[in-house]
Amino acid sequence: MEENSRIIQNVIIESRKKLSVSGVRQVLSFDDETLLLDTALGRITVKGENLKIENFNTSSGDLSATGTVHAAVYMASENSGGGFISRLFR
């Protein structure tokens, strides 16, 4: 977690109609209801309706999208200890 404390990332949702994210490394998948982004601080899943990527600058890592945004959630990192079963067998 300390390695991420120096990384600055902005996730801005304007009136639930426009999304701006900095620090995007890669768009892992997208459709009109879901965006899955790999960012400097982990994966972000964006849920909504009529989502459309307007701009993605791979050099700067800035992404902008439009549509109706219902949720934006950081996913647990893959090395966070796993799920219930992996914790059960430690």
Protein backbone atom coordinates (compact mmCIF):
# COMPACT_ATOMS: atom_id res chain seq x y z
CA MET A 1 0.00 0.00 0.00
CA GLU A 2 2.87 2.40 0.68
CA GLU A 3 4.06 2.18 -2.91
CA ASN A 4 0.64 3.52 -3.99
CA SER A 5 0.71 6.39 -1.50
CA ARG A 6 2.89 8.45 -3.87
CA ILE A 7 0.69 7.93 -6.93
CA ILE A 8 -1.89 10.59 -7.61
CA GLN A 9 -4.98 9.53 -9.49
CA ASN A 10 -8.16 11.45 -10.22
CA VAL A 11 -11.55 9.90 -10.81
CA ILE A 12 -14.08 12.61 -11.59
CA ILE A 13 -17.77 12.00 -12.24
CA GLU A 14 -19.61 15.11 -13.43
CA SER A 15 -23.38 15.04 -12.90
CA ARG A 16 -23.32 11.25 -13.47
CA LYS A 17 -22.98 12.01 -17.20
CA LYS A 18 -19.22 12.38 -17.74
CA LEU A 19 -16.33 10.36 -16.32
CA SER A 20 -12.67 11.42 -16.31
CA VAL A 21 -9.94 9.12 -15.02
CA SER A 22 -6.19 9.75 -14.88
CA GLY A 23 -3.52 7.09 -14.53
CA VAL A 24 -5.21 4.58 -16.84
CA ARG A 25 -2.73 2.02 -18.12
CA GLN A 26 -5.09 -0.07 -20.22
CA VAL A 27 -8.76 -0.52 -21.06
CA LEU A 28 -9.26 -4.22 -20.30
CA SER A 29 -12.84 -4.41 -21.58
CA PHE A 30 -15.77 -2.18 -22.33
CA ASP A 31 -19.32 -2.17 -23.60
CA ASP A 32 -22.24 0.20 -23.19
CA GLU A 33 -22.85 -0.95 -19.57
CA THR A 34 -19.38 -1.69 -18.16
CA LEU A 35 -15.84 -0.31 -18.38
CA LEU A 36 -12.96 -2.30 -16.86
CA LEU A 37 -9.83 -0.18 -16.48
CA ASP A 38 -6.33 -1.11 -15.31
CA THR A 39 -4.95 1.96 -13.54
CA ALA A 40 -1.91 3.01 -11.56
CA LEU A 41 -3.82 2.28 -8.33
CA GLY A 42 -5.59 -0.92 -9.38
CA ARG A 43 -8.51 -2.02 -11.48
CA ILE A 44 -11.63 0.11 -11.66
CA THR A 45 -15.01 -1.16 -12.80
CA VAL A 46 -17.49 1.45 -14.00
CA LYS A 47 -21.15 0.44 -14.35
CA GLY A 48 -23.75 2.48 -16.16
CA GLU A 49 -25.88 2.91 -19.27
CA ASN A 50 -24.92 4.02 -22.77
CA LEU A 51 -21.25 4.28 -21.74
CA LYS A 52 -18.97 5.46 -24.50
CA ILE A 53 -15.23 6.12 -24.36
CA GLU A 54 -14.77 9.58 -25.85
CA ASN A 55 -10.99 9.81 -25.51
CA PHE A 56 -8.13 7.65 -24.21
CA ASN A 57 -4.62 9.07 -24.36
CA THR A 58 -2.24 6.15 -23.85
CA SER A 59 0.73 8.49 -23.33
CA SER A 60 -0.77 10.48 -20.46
CA GLY A 61 -3.17 7.80 -19.20
CA ASP A 62 -6.16 10.16 -19.34
CA LEU A 63 -9.52 8.66 -20.23
CA SER A 64 -12.88 10.35 -20.64
CA ALA A 65 -16.22 8.65 -21.12
CA THR A 66 -19.85 9.73 -21.36
CA GLY A 67 -23.13 8.05 -20.50
CA THR A 68 -25.06 7.55 -17.27
CA VAL A 69 -22.67 6.43 -14.51
CA HIS A 70 -24.23 4.25 -11.79
CA ALA A 71 -21.05 3.17 -9.97
CA ALA A 72 -17.25 3.29 -10.07
CA VAL A 73 -15.50 0.72 -7.88
CA TYR A 74 -11.86 -0.15 -7.25
CA MET A 75 -11.41 -3.92 -7.37
CA ALA A 76 -9.35 -5.74 -4.75
CA SER A 77 -5.81 -6.34 -5.94
CA GLU A 78 -5.03 -9.83 -7.17
CA ASN A 79 -2.37 -10.32 -4.51
CA SER A 80 -4.61 -9.22 -1.63
CA GLY A 81 -4.78 -12.68 -0.11
CA GLY A 82 -7.41 -14.29 -2.29
CA GLY A 83 -10.95 -15.20 -1.52
CA PHE A 84 -12.60 -17.18 1.23
CA ILE A 85 -11.27 -20.58 0.13
CA SER A 86 -7.64 -19.46 -0.09
CA ARG A 87 -7.86 -17.87 3.38
CA LEU A 88 -9.46 -21.05 4.74
CA PHE A 89 -6.48 -23.18 3.68
CA ARG A 90 -3.66 -20.94 4.94
